[in-house]
Protein backbone atom coordinates (compact mmCIF):
# COMPACT_ATOMS: atom_id res chain seq x y z
CA MET A 1 180.67 302.51 76.56
CA GLU A 2 177.09 301.67 77.98
CA LYS A 3 176.86 299.49 80.90
CA GLN A 4 175.28 296.24 80.78
CA LYS A 5 171.69 296.73 82.33
CA SER A 6 171.27 294.56 85.50
CA GLY A 7 168.69 292.33 84.57
CA ALA A 8 170.54 291.01 81.05
CA PRO A 9 172.55 287.73 81.07
CA ARG A 10 175.90 288.37 80.25
CA SER A 11 177.49 286.15 76.97
CA GLY A 12 179.64 283.99 78.81
CA SER A 13 176.67 282.80 81.05
CA SER A 14 174.62 282.35 78.05
CA ARG A 15 177.11 280.21 76.34
CA ARG A 16 177.61 278.14 79.35
CA GLU A 17 174.18 277.52 79.73
CA PHE A 18 173.56 276.45 76.30
CA LEU A 19 176.26 274.00 76.21
CA ALA A 20 174.61 272.56 79.53
CA GLN A 21 171.14 272.21 77.97
CA ILE A 22 172.71 270.33 74.97
CA THR A 23 174.84 267.80 77.39
CA PHE A 24 171.55 267.40 79.44
CA ALA A 25 169.37 266.73 76.39
CA GLY A 26 172.06 264.54 74.85
CA ALA A 27 172.31 262.46 78.30
CA GLY A 28 168.57 262.04 78.49
CA LEU A 29 168.46 260.80 74.72
CA THR A 30 171.22 258.18 75.79
CA LEU A 31 169.76 256.95 78.99
CA ALA A 32 166.08 256.87 78.08
CA PRO A 33 166.07 253.42 76.57
CA LEU A 34 168.10 251.96 79.64
CA ILE A 35 165.51 253.61 82.02
CA THR A 36 162.47 252.57 80.10
CA ASN A 37 163.47 249.06 79.40
CA ALA A 38 163.78 247.10 82.48
CA ASN A 39 164.45 243.83 81.04
CA PRO A 40 165.77 244.00 77.54
CA GLU A 41 166.50 240.12 77.15
CA ALA A 42 162.83 239.64 77.36
CA ASP A 43 161.96 242.34 75.05
CA MET A 44 164.39 240.68 72.44
CA ALA A 45 163.31 236.92 73.37
CA ALA A 46 159.65 238.35 72.62
CA SER A 47 160.85 240.14 69.22
CA SER A 48 162.66 237.05 67.98
CA ALA A 49 159.90 234.82 68.82
CA ILE A 50 157.42 236.41 66.29
CA TYR A 51 159.73 235.39 63.42
CA ASN A 52 159.84 231.73 64.59
CA THR A 53 158.28 229.00 62.73
CA THR A 54 158.10 225.39 62.79
CA VAL A 55 159.77 223.13 59.56
CA ASN A 56 158.93 219.47 59.17
CA VAL A 57 161.81 218.55 56.64
CA THR A 58 163.33 215.26 55.68
CA ILE A 59 167.06 215.38 55.12
CA ASN A 60 168.82 212.46 53.39
CA GLY A 61 165.97 210.01 54.70
CA LYS A 62 165.80 211.30 58.37
CA VAL A 63 163.00 213.38 59.31
CA HIS A 64 163.64 216.57 61.44
CA ASN A 65 161.24 218.89 63.11
CA LEU A 66 162.78 222.03 63.96
CA THR A 67 161.72 225.17 65.32
CA LEU A 68 163.39 228.06 63.31
CA ASP A 69 163.70 231.78 62.44
CA THR A 70 161.92 232.27 59.35
CA ARG A 71 164.96 234.15 57.98
CA VAL A 72 167.31 231.07 58.16
CA THR A 73 168.47 229.60 54.84
CA LEU A 74 168.83 226.01 54.09
CA LEU A 75 172.34 226.31 54.04
CA ASP A 76 172.79 227.72 57.46
CA LEU A 77 170.40 225.18 58.84
CA LEU A 78 172.48 222.15 57.22
CA ARG A 79 175.81 223.70 58.36
CA GLU A 80 175.09 225.65 61.59
CA ARG A 81 172.33 223.66 63.24
CA LEU A 82 172.77 219.91 61.74
CA SER A 83 176.37 220.13 61.10
CA MET A 84 176.39 218.76 57.78
CA THR A 85 179.38 220.48 56.12
CA GLY A 86 179.66 218.61 53.19
CA THR A 87 177.46 221.50 51.57
CA LYS A 88 179.69 224.50 50.74
CA LYS A 89 179.27 228.45 51.57
CA GLY A 90 180.96 230.11 48.49
CA CYS A 91 179.59 233.45 47.77
CA ASP A 92 176.58 233.01 49.63
CA HIS A 93 174.72 235.15 46.96
CA GLY A 94 173.58 232.16 44.49
CA GLN A 95 176.29 232.83 42.04
CA CYS A 96 179.01 230.15 42.54
CA GLY A 97 176.91 227.21 43.28
CA ALA A 98 178.88 225.43 45.67
CA CYS A 99 176.02 225.39 48.08
CA THR A 100 173.69 223.15 45.61
CA VAL A 101 171.79 220.78 46.89
CA LEU A 102 168.52 218.65 45.70
CA LEU A 103 164.98 219.76 46.84
CA ASP A 104 162.46 217.29 46.11
CA GLY A 105 165.11 216.19 43.22
CA HIS A 106 165.75 219.73 41.76
CA ARG A 107 168.85 221.30 42.29
CA VAL A 108 168.58 224.71 44.45
CA ASN A 109 171.11 227.08 46.06
CA SER A 110 170.42 226.29 49.33
CA CYS A 111 172.02 229.71 50.33
CA LEU A 112 169.01 231.31 48.57
CA THR A 113 166.34 229.09 50.01
CA LEU A 114 164.65 229.71 53.01
CA SER A 115 164.49 226.70 55.56
CA ALA A 116 160.66 227.71 56.13
CA VAL A 117 159.72 226.80 52.59
CA CYS A 118 161.16 223.25 52.87
CA ASP A 119 158.47 222.36 55.06
CA GLY A 120 157.07 218.86 53.89
CA ALA A 121 160.19 218.57 51.38
CA GLN A 122 162.82 216.03 50.75
CA VAL A 123 166.35 217.47 50.53
CA THR A 124 169.53 215.56 49.47
CA THR A 125 172.97 216.67 50.02
CA ILE A 126 176.08 215.35 49.41
CA GLU A 127 176.11 213.34 52.58
CA GLY A 128 172.93 211.62 51.39
CA LEU A 129 174.07 210.44 47.82
CA ALA A 130 175.98 207.51 48.77
CA GLU A 131 174.31 204.05 50.02
CA GLY A 132 176.50 203.36 53.13
CA GLU A 133 180.20 202.68 51.71
CA LYS A 134 178.67 202.37 48.31
CA LEU A 135 179.50 205.48 46.60
CA HIS A 136 177.05 207.25 43.91
CA PRO A 137 177.86 206.59 40.20
CA MET A 138 178.43 210.21 39.95
CA GLN A 139 180.68 210.38 42.94
CA GLU A 140 182.50 207.55 41.50
CA ALA A 141 182.82 208.87 37.78
CA PHE A 142 184.40 212.23 39.60
CA ILE A 143 186.96 210.12 41.07
CA LYS A 144 187.72 208.28 38.12
CA HIS A 145 187.75 211.41 35.49
CA ASP A 146 189.51 213.42 38.36
CA ALA A 147 186.97 215.98 38.13
CA PHE A 148 188.01 218.36 41.03
CA GLN A 149 191.46 219.53 42.64
CA CYS A 150 190.93 221.82 45.46
CA GLY A 151 187.33 219.84 45.99
CA TYR A 152 185.54 223.09 47.64
CA CYS A 153 183.04 223.34 44.81
CA THR A 154 183.13 219.58 44.50
CA PRO A 155 179.88 218.64 46.59
CA GLY A 156 177.73 221.25 44.70
CA GLN A 157 179.04 220.36 41.31
CA ILE A 158 178.10 216.43 42.06
CA CYS A 159 174.66 217.33 43.54
CA SER A 160 174.01 219.56 40.47
CA ALA A 161 175.26 217.01 38.01
CA VAL A 162 172.82 214.24 39.66
CA GLY A 163 169.93 216.43 39.16
CA LEU A 164 170.97 217.34 35.88
CA VAL A 165 170.92 213.92 34.73
CA LYS A 166 167.60 213.26 36.43
CA GLU A 167 166.16 216.12 34.49
CA GLY A 168 167.02 214.38 31.26
CA HIS A 169 168.80 217.36 29.66
CA ALA A 170 172.21 216.36 29.53
CA LYS A 171 172.37 214.90 25.89
CA THR A 172 174.92 217.17 24.49
CA ASP A 173 178.23 218.71 25.55
CA ALA A 174 176.93 222.26 24.83
CA GLU A 175 173.66 221.48 26.71
CA ILE A 176 175.86 219.96 29.62
CA ARG A 177 178.19 222.91 29.83
CA GLU A 178 175.04 225.62 29.90
CA LEU A 179 173.46 223.74 32.16
CA MET A 180 176.01 223.28 34.75
CA SER A 181 177.35 226.92 34.16
CA GLY A 182 175.95 228.02 37.40
CA ASN A 183 178.48 225.79 39.43
CA ILE A 184 181.83 227.64 39.21
CA CYS A 185 185.23 225.58 39.72
CA ARG A 186 188.04 228.00 40.23
CA CYS A 187 190.60 225.27 39.49
CA GLY A 188 189.22 224.77 35.93
CA ALA A 189 188.21 221.06 36.08
CA TYR A 190 185.28 221.69 33.46
CA GLN A 191 186.29 219.22 31.04
CA ASN A 192 186.91 216.55 33.42
CA ILE A 193 183.57 217.24 35.09
CA LEU A 194 181.99 217.21 31.76
CA GLU A 195 183.44 213.75 31.02
CA ALA A 196 182.09 212.24 34.51
CA ILE A 197 178.56 213.64 33.77
CA LYS A 198 178.49 212.14 30.35
CA GLU A 199 179.98 208.64 31.71
CA VAL A 200 176.82 208.49 34.29
CA HIS A 201 174.42 209.74 31.51
CA ASN A 202 175.24 207.20 29.08
CA ALA A 203 175.53 204.29 31.40
């Protein structure tokens, strides 16, 4: 059997060297960001500032001047920033209608509406429909006709119904059902909701 030449590396030694090189390379990739980024908090603040914008929006008659991330939705602004929790977060995909509010009098899903596009706009939520202790006629009609059970979807249902009547489309039962189809009631109070809307529309 031929002897290994004196200058040639042994297989065991080559394996150890290879593993050592891999270890050092991995450590370098892991530690490089920590070594080069001396102040990560400052970098994060500078990065987030790029996405900030100033929004001047009137909500339920009160003017709010806000500095917001451009990616903040109207729903999160209402609930998380202004503590207006009457507007509900349901699917967060614009499919259930629980988050419906009125934007310049028109019905919108606040979970799909960016706060940045509301600059200069008028927003009305369920909290802004009543006048002091006097309920909005639609709120009174929902109570009268027992148009809710668990109540989770009710704020969105009422805001959507108010917008529907203002649009002037609530003329027939079929039309009301179709135009309210974006507001889901998992308790199934649809007939009572229909009766409440018809009463307000015909008043």
